[in-house]
């Protein structure tokens, strides 16, 4: 039986529309807040329809040398054009883009996980160093 980890896909976000893009400073100051932006489809737009959409993005921080990761946040995108009138007839669409302010006291790696309702789980990572 395959593990969940074996089902998580990754690729270069410049070539694959499902991969979460993590944008933040490469180097931050310990204990000082910085902004992290996660998005899907930065270079290649991902569909945002009732039938095909990104449902959520989850962000984790893995401190350098620590055994466990810490969840920074989970962000759900609930509106994809659903309506009583039919698919893609609704007045609201949420784009898979989030920004969060966070602080760290160790260098480490940010990990983003996203879920496409058709193509499954996708991941990416970005190292964060301390000044």
C-alpha atoms as a PDB file:
ATOM      1  CA  UNK A   1       0.000   0.000   0.000  1.00  0.00           C
ATOM      2  CA  UNK A   2       1.362   3.434  -0.940  1.00  0.00           C
ATOM      3  CA  UNK A   3       1.819   6.101   1.714  1.00  0.00           C
ATOM      4  CA  UNK A   4       0.264   9.547   1.404  1.00  0.00           C
ATOM      5  CA  UNK A   5       3.757  10.987   0.917  1.00  0.00           C
ATOM      6  CA  UNK A   6       4.128   8.890  -2.235  1.00  0.00           C
ATOM      7  CA  UNK A   7       1.020  10.583  -3.645  1.00  0.00           C
ATOM      8  CA  UNK A   8       2.287  14.146  -3.187  1.00  0.00           C
ATOM      9  CA  UNK A   9       3.555  15.619  -6.434  1.00  0.00           C
ATOM     10  CA  UNK A  10       6.132  18.346  -6.998  1.00  0.00           C
ATOM     11  CA  UNK A  11       7.573  20.181  -9.988  1.00  0.00           C
ATOM     12  CA  UNK A  12       8.978  23.537 -11.043  1.00  0.00           C
ATOM     13  CA  UNK A  13       6.211  26.094 -10.430  1.00  0.00           C
ATOM     14  CA  UNK A  14       7.304  27.977 -13.560  1.00  0.00           C
ATOM     15  CA  UNK A  15       6.253  24.980 -15.665  1.00  0.00           C
ATOM     16  CA  UNK A  16       3.462  23.357 -13.608  1.00  0.00           C
ATOM     17  CA  UNK A  17       0.293  25.256 -12.632  1.00  0.00           C
ATOM     18  CA  UNK A  18      -0.499  23.145  -9.534  1.00  0.00           C
ATOM     19  CA  UNK A  19       2.672  23.774  -7.518  1.00  0.00           C
ATOM     20  CA  UNK A  20       2.413  26.213  -4.587  1.00  0.00           C
ATOM     21  CA  UNK A  21       4.678  29.242  -4.963  1.00  0.00           C
ATOM     22  CA  UNK A  22       6.214  30.451  -1.680  1.00  0.00           C
ATOM     23  CA  UNK A  23       7.338  34.077  -1.696  1.00  0.00           C
ATOM     24  CA  UNK A  24       9.181  35.571   1.283  1.00  0.00           C
ATOM     25  CA  UNK A  25      12.592  37.040   2.099  1.00  0.00           C
ATOM     26  CA  UNK A  26      15.483  34.579   1.811  1.00  0.00           C
ATOM     27  CA  UNK A  27      16.917  35.947   5.067  1.00  0.00           C
ATOM     28  CA  UNK A  28      14.913  37.198   8.062  1.00  0.00           C
ATOM     29  CA  UNK A  29      15.688  38.522  11.549  1.00  0.00           C
ATOM     30  CA  UNK A  30      14.944  36.181  14.469  1.00  0.00           C
ATOM     31  CA  UNK A  31      11.797  37.211  16.324  1.00  0.00           C
ATOM     32  CA  UNK A  32      10.816  39.828  13.730  1.00  0.00           C
ATOM     33  CA  UNK A  33       7.622  39.379  11.697  1.00  0.00           C
ATOM     34  CA  UNK A  34       7.911  38.847   7.956  1.00  0.00           C
ATOM     35  CA  UNK A  35       5.320  38.164   5.281  1.00  0.00           C
ATOM     36  CA  UNK A  36       4.946  34.869   3.458  1.00  0.00           C
ATOM     37  CA  UNK A  37       2.758  34.729   0.357  1.00  0.00           C
ATOM     38  CA  UNK A  38       1.584  31.404  -1.072  1.00  0.00           C
ATOM     39  CA  UNK A  39      -0.184  31.148  -4.392  1.00  0.00           C
ATOM     40  CA  UNK A  40      -1.022  28.709  -7.141  1.00  0.00           C
ATOM     41  CA  UNK A  41      -0.639  29.515 -10.823  1.00  0.00           C
ATOM     42  CA  UNK A  42       1.833  32.393 -10.695  1.00  0.00           C
ATOM     43  CA  UNK A  43       3.356  31.645 -14.121  1.00  0.00           C
ATOM     44  CA  UNK A  44       0.641  29.400 -15.561  1.00  0.00           C
ATOM     45  CA  UNK A  45      -2.912  30.175 -14.447  1.00  0.00           C
ATOM     46  CA  UNK A  46      -4.792  27.341 -12.752  1.00  0.00           C
ATOM     47  CA  UNK A  47      -8.509  26.992 -13.589  1.00  0.00           C
ATOM     48  CA  UNK A  48     -10.891  28.288 -10.942  1.00  0.00           C
ATOM     49  CA  UNK A  49     -14.190  26.682 -11.876  1.00  0.00           C
ATOM     50  CA  UNK A  50     -16.772  24.602 -10.091  1.00  0.00           C
ATOM     51  CA  UNK A  51     -15.364  21.527 -11.852  1.00  0.00           C
ATOM     52  CA  UNK A  52     -11.619  22.236 -11.458  1.00  0.00           C
ATOM     53  CA  UNK A  53     -10.110  24.328  -8.654  1.00  0.00           C
ATOM     54  CA  UNK A  54      -7.638  24.568  -5.783  1.00  0.00           C
ATOM     55  CA  UNK A  55      -9.446  23.712  -2.533  1.00  0.00           C
ATOM     56  CA  UNK A  56      -6.764  24.672   0.006  1.00  0.00           C
ATOM     57  CA  UNK A  57      -3.157  25.562   0.782  1.00  0.00           C
ATOM     58  CA  UNK A  58      -1.401  24.491   3.970  1.00  0.00           C
ATOM     59  CA  UNK A  59       1.879  26.028   5.167  1.00  0.00           C
ATOM     60  CA  UNK A  60       4.402  24.424   7.537  1.00  0.00           C
ATOM     61  CA  UNK A  61       7.757  25.472   9.009  1.00  0.00           C
ATOM     62  CA  UNK A  62      10.513  22.929   9.635  1.00  0.00           C
ATOM     63  CA  UNK A  63      13.166  24.469  11.922  1.00  0.00           C
ATOM     64  CA  UNK A  64      16.705  23.475  11.030  1.00  0.00           C
ATOM     65  CA  UNK A  65      17.792  20.516  13.173  1.00  0.00           C
ATOM     66  CA  UNK A  66      14.318  19.853  14.624  1.00  0.00           C
ATOM     67  CA  UNK A  67      12.531  16.543  14.158  1.00  0.00           C
ATOM     68  CA  UNK A  68       9.023  17.963  13.713  1.00  0.00           C
ATOM     69  CA  UNK A  69       7.366  20.532  11.475  1.00  0.00           C
ATOM     70  CA  UNK A  70       4.998  23.210  12.757  1.00  0.00           C
ATOM     71  CA  UNK A  71       1.783  24.178  11.004  1.00  0.00           C
ATOM     72  CA  UNK A  72       1.742  27.901  10.172  1.00  0.00           C
ATOM     73  CA  UNK A  73      -1.752  27.882   8.703  1.00  0.00           C
ATOM     74  CA  UNK A  74      -4.383  26.183   6.581  1.00  0.00           C
ATOM     75  CA  UNK A  75      -6.279  28.313   4.094  1.00  0.00           C
ATOM     76  CA  UNK A  76      -9.456  27.123   2.364  1.00  0.00           C
ATOM     77  CA  UNK A  77     -10.872  28.499  -0.877  1.00  0.00           C
ATOM     78  CA  UNK A  78     -14.594  27.781  -0.807  1.00  0.00           C
ATOM     79  CA  UNK A  79     -16.159  29.773  -3.651  1.00  0.00           C
ATOM     80  CA  UNK A  80     -15.686  28.486  -7.201  1.00  0.00           C
ATOM     81  CA  UNK A  81     -18.717  29.828  -9.032  1.00  0.00           C
ATOM     82  CA  UNK A  82     -21.251  27.465  -7.494  1.00  0.00           C
ATOM     83  CA  UNK A  83     -24.870  28.615  -7.676  1.00  0.00           C
ATOM     84  CA  UNK A  84     -28.437  27.357  -7.698  1.00  0.00           C
ATOM     85  CA  UNK A  85     -28.500  28.402 -11.370  1.00  0.00           C
ATOM     86  CA  UNK A  86     -25.725  25.885 -12.106  1.00  0.00           C
ATOM     87  CA  UNK A  87     -21.991  25.359 -12.237  1.00  0.00           C
ATOM     88  CA  UNK A  88     -19.935  28.510 -12.838  1.00  0.00           C
ATOM     89  CA  UNK A  89     -23.041  30.711 -12.607  1.00  0.00           C
ATOM     90  CA  UNK A  90     -22.309  32.009  -9.107  1.00  0.00           C
ATOM     91  CA  UNK A  91     -21.220  35.524  -8.225  1.00  0.00           C
ATOM     92  CA  UNK A  92     -18.152  34.593  -6.116  1.00  0.00           C
ATOM     93  CA  UNK A  93     -14.779  33.023  -6.885  1.00  0.00           C
ATOM     94  CA  UNK A  94     -11.830  32.814  -4.475  1.00  0.00           C
ATOM     95  CA  UNK A  95      -8.340  32.836  -5.959  1.00  0.00           C
ATOM     96  CA  UNK A  96      -5.747  30.528  -4.350  1.00  0.00           C
ATOM     97  CA  UNK A  97      -3.541  33.296  -2.933  1.00  0.00           C
ATOM     98  CA  UNK A  98      -2.801  33.905   0.759  1.00  0.00           C
ATOM     99  CA  UNK A  99      -0.424  36.044   2.787  1.00  0.00           C
ATOM    100  CA  UNK A 100       0.507  35.477   6.402  1.00  0.00           C
ATOM    101  CA  UNK A 101       2.828  37.298   8.801  1.00  0.00           C
ATOM    102  CA  UNK A 102       5.013  35.039  10.920  1.00  0.00           C
ATOM    103  CA  UNK A 103       8.108  35.056  13.143  1.00  0.00           C
ATOM    104  CA  UNK A 104      10.802  32.411  13.549  1.00  0.00           C
ATOM    105  CA  UNK A 105      13.695  32.084  15.973  1.00  0.00           C
ATOM    106  CA  UNK A 106      15.619  29.505  13.952  1.00  0.00           C
ATOM    107  CA  UNK A 107      16.515  29.082  10.305  1.00  0.00           C
ATOM    108  CA  UNK A 108      14.527  26.405   8.515  1.00  0.00           C
ATOM    109  CA  UNK A 109      12.340  25.467   5.601  1.00  0.00           C
ATOM    110  CA  UNK A 110       8.826  26.534   4.691  1.00  0.00           C
ATOM    111  CA  UNK A 111       6.760  23.753   3.124  1.00  0.00           C
ATOM    112  CA  UNK A 112       3.541  24.432   1.221  1.00  0.00           C
ATOM    113  CA  UNK A 113       0.988  21.763   0.372  1.00  0.00           C
ATOM    114  CA  UNK A 114      -1.993  22.362  -1.916  1.00  0.00           C
ATOM    115  CA  UNK A 115      -4.939  20.313  -3.117  1.00  0.00           C
ATOM    116  CA  UNK A 116      -6.458  20.387  -6.610  1.00  0.00           C
ATOM    117  CA  UNK A 117      -9.861  18.695  -6.680  1.00  0.00           C
ATOM    118  CA  UNK A 118      -8.889  16.817  -9.878  1.00  0.00           C
ATOM    119  CA  UNK A 119      -5.089  16.425  -9.774  1.00  0.00           C
ATOM    120  CA  UNK A 120      -4.522  15.853  -6.055  1.00  0.00           C
ATOM    121  CA  UNK A 121      -1.771  16.980  -3.697  1.00  0.00           C
ATOM    122  CA  UNK A 122       1.178  19.192  -4.667  1.00  0.00           C
ATOM    123  CA  UNK A 123       4.095  20.523  -2.618  1.00  0.00           C
ATOM    124  CA  UNK A 124       6.970  22.969  -2.684  1.00  0.00           C
ATOM    125  CA  UNK A 125       9.554  24.261  -0.221  1.00  0.00           C
ATOM    126  CA  UNK A 126      11.700  27.330   0.417  1.00  0.00           C
ATOM    127  CA  UNK A 127      14.629  27.749   2.813  1.00  0.00           C
ATOM    128  CA  UNK A 128      14.626  30.680   5.234  1.00  0.00           C
ATOM    129  CA  UNK A 129      17.928  31.818   6.748  1.00  0.00           C
ATOM    130  CA  UNK A 130      18.523  34.069   9.755  1.00  0.00           C
ATOM    131  CA  UNK A 131      20.430  37.339   9.452  1.00  0.00           C
END
